[in-house]
Protein backbone atom coordinates (compact mmCIF):
# COMPACT_ATOMS: atom_id res chain seq x y z
CA MET A 1 26.09 -5.89 -3.75
CA TYR A 2 28.84 -4.36 -5.96
CA ALA A 3 26.71 -3.26 -8.92
CA THR A 4 27.54 0.44 -8.55
CA ARG A 5 31.30 -0.23 -8.50
CA LEU A 6 30.96 -2.43 -11.60
CA GLU A 7 29.77 0.59 -13.60
CA ALA A 8 33.43 1.70 -13.85
CA ILE A 9 34.34 -1.46 -15.80
CA PRO A 10 33.35 -1.16 -19.49
CA LEU A 11 32.45 -4.85 -19.77
CA PHE A 12 29.72 -4.36 -17.17
CA ALA A 13 28.89 -0.66 -17.60
CA SER A 14 26.49 -1.16 -20.49
CA LEU A 15 24.48 -3.88 -18.75
CA PRO A 16 20.96 -2.99 -17.67
CA PRO A 17 20.84 -2.27 -13.92
CA GLU A 18 19.16 -5.58 -13.05
CA GLU A 19 21.83 -7.58 -14.90
CA ARG A 20 24.65 -5.55 -13.34
CA GLU A 21 23.00 -6.22 -9.97
CA LEU A 22 23.11 -9.97 -10.66
CA VAL A 23 26.81 -9.79 -11.54
CA GLY A 24 27.39 -7.61 -8.47
CA ASP A 25 25.88 -10.32 -6.29
CA LEU A 26 28.20 -12.95 -7.81
CA VAL A 27 31.57 -11.16 -7.73
CA ASP A 28 34.03 -11.32 -4.88
CA PRO A 29 36.25 -8.28 -4.23
CA LEU A 30 39.96 -8.97 -3.90
CA GLU A 31 42.87 -6.72 -2.95
CA VAL A 32 46.32 -7.61 -4.23
CA PRO A 33 49.64 -5.98 -3.25
CA ALA A 34 52.17 -4.90 -5.87
CA GLY A 35 54.40 -7.70 -7.13
CA GLN A 36 51.94 -10.56 -6.59
CA GLU A 37 51.30 -13.14 -9.29
CA VAL A 38 47.53 -13.18 -9.68
CA ALA A 39 47.48 -15.82 -12.43
CA THR A 40 50.20 -18.38 -13.10
CA GLN A 41 50.87 -19.57 -16.64
CA ASP A 42 50.02 -23.22 -17.38
CA THR A 43 48.08 -23.77 -14.15
CA PHE A 44 44.39 -24.60 -14.01
CA GLY A 45 42.27 -21.46 -14.09
CA TYR A 46 38.97 -21.34 -12.25
CA SER A 47 38.57 -17.56 -11.85
CA PHE A 48 38.02 -14.53 -14.04
CA PHE A 49 39.19 -11.12 -12.85
CA ALA A 50 38.13 -7.55 -13.65
CA ILE A 51 40.39 -4.69 -12.55
CA GLU A 52 38.76 -1.91 -10.57
CA GLU A 53 42.02 -0.19 -9.54
CA GLY A 54 45.70 -0.76 -10.18
CA THR A 55 47.89 -2.17 -12.93
CA ALA A 56 49.35 -5.50 -13.96
CA GLU A 57 51.71 -7.01 -16.48
CA VAL A 58 50.80 -9.99 -18.66
CA ARG A 59 53.73 -12.36 -19.18
CA VAL A 60 54.06 -15.36 -21.47
CA ASP A 61 57.17 -17.49 -20.94
CA ASP A 62 58.64 -14.66 -18.83
CA GLN A 63 58.19 -12.16 -21.69
CA SER A 64 55.99 -9.11 -21.18
CA VAL A 65 53.16 -9.13 -23.75
CA ALA A 66 50.67 -6.59 -22.35
CA GLN A 67 49.90 -4.10 -19.62
CA LEU A 68 46.51 -4.05 -17.89
CA GLY A 69 44.79 -1.33 -15.93
CA PRO A 70 41.44 -0.22 -14.53
CA GLY A 71 38.54 -1.57 -16.58
CA ASP A 72 40.55 -4.42 -18.10
CA PHE A 73 39.87 -8.07 -17.36
CA PHE A 74 41.69 -11.39 -17.59
CA GLY A 75 41.18 -15.07 -16.93
CA GLU A 76 38.33 -15.62 -19.38
CA ILE A 77 40.41 -17.83 -21.68
CA ALA A 78 41.08 -20.41 -18.95
CA VAL A 79 37.56 -20.28 -17.56
CA LEU A 80 35.73 -20.40 -20.89
CA ARG A 81 38.10 -22.05 -23.37
CA THR A 82 41.25 -23.87 -22.31
CA GLY A 83 40.96 -24.71 -18.61
CA ARG A 84 44.57 -23.57 -18.12
CA ARG A 85 46.14 -20.16 -17.78
CA THR A 86 47.77 -19.13 -21.05
CA ALA A 87 49.73 -16.33 -19.36
CA ALA A 88 50.94 -15.10 -16.01
CA VAL A 89 49.52 -11.85 -14.66
CA VAL A 90 51.60 -9.97 -12.08
CA SER A 91 50.40 -6.86 -10.26
CA THR A 92 52.64 -3.84 -10.88
CA SER A 93 50.82 -1.75 -8.26
CA PRO A 94 48.36 -2.48 -5.48
CA MET A 95 45.14 -3.67 -7.11
CA LYS A 96 41.45 -3.95 -6.40
CA LEU A 97 39.89 -6.75 -8.42
CA PHE A 98 36.53 -8.40 -8.82
CA SER A 99 36.69 -12.17 -9.14
CA LEU A 100 34.13 -14.52 -10.64
CA PHE A 101 34.53 -18.25 -10.24
CA GLU A 102 33.84 -20.72 -13.01
CA GLN A 103 30.50 -21.75 -11.47
CA ASP A 104 29.45 -18.07 -11.45
CA PHE A 105 29.93 -18.05 -15.22
CA ARG A 106 27.35 -20.81 -15.51
CA GLU A 107 24.89 -18.55 -13.71
CA ILE A 108 25.79 -15.64 -16.00
CA GLU A 109 25.44 -17.81 -19.10
CA SER A 110 21.90 -18.73 -18.10
CA GLN A 111 20.83 -15.31 -16.80
CA ILE A 112 22.84 -12.89 -19.00
CA PRO A 113 23.61 -14.68 -22.28
CA THR A 114 24.71 -11.47 -24.03
CA LEU A 115 27.49 -10.96 -21.48
CA ALA A 116 28.56 -14.61 -21.77
CA ARG A 117 28.69 -14.31 -25.58
CA GLU A 118 30.80 -11.14 -25.32
CA LEU A 119 33.28 -12.82 -22.99
CA ARG A 120 33.51 -15.84 -25.31
CA ARG A 121 34.04 -13.54 -28.30
CA GLN A 122 36.84 -11.65 -26.56
CA ALA A 123 38.49 -14.89 -25.42
CA ALA A 124 38.45 -16.16 -29.02
CA GLU A 125 39.89 -12.86 -30.28
CA ARG A 126 42.72 -12.95 -27.75
CA LEU A 127 43.57 -16.52 -28.68
CA ALA A 128 43.50 -15.71 -32.41
CA ALA A 129 45.60 -12.57 -31.99
CA HIS A 130 48.35 -14.40 -30.12
CA PRO A 131 48.49 -18.00 -31.36
CA THR A 132 51.83 -18.54 -29.65
CA GLN A 133 51.63 -15.78 -27.06
CA HIS A 134 48.24 -15.73 -25.36
CA GLU A 135 47.06 -12.74 -23.34
CA ALA A 136 45.79 -13.01 -19.82
CA GLY A 137 44.19 -16.42 -19.84
């Protein structure tokens, strides 16, 4: 349903059309106003988010550690690795996001294993790069 819009997000852009179509059928669009906490540090995380439009700040223990914008994603650490959010993410402008729930990842793992491996690799890299300050979990 959202396959064409997913082409603007690098993580999904290189997928073959039929795989991007599968992801497009699984995602839920979400609009977030500026100033809203999209992910809360240390809470359980069941969703992954990809940014279509807008910007956000990643905060660990109330310290800014990263800025996110269109094409970026967050939430994969909690969904795939830790079960809990390792950072807070707060919108700094109105945002359009795509959300995938944890159960959607199970579908992606079985249908698009290359995408699942890439998300796991990036989650591991983010954890390794910030052992005490984790990005966008």
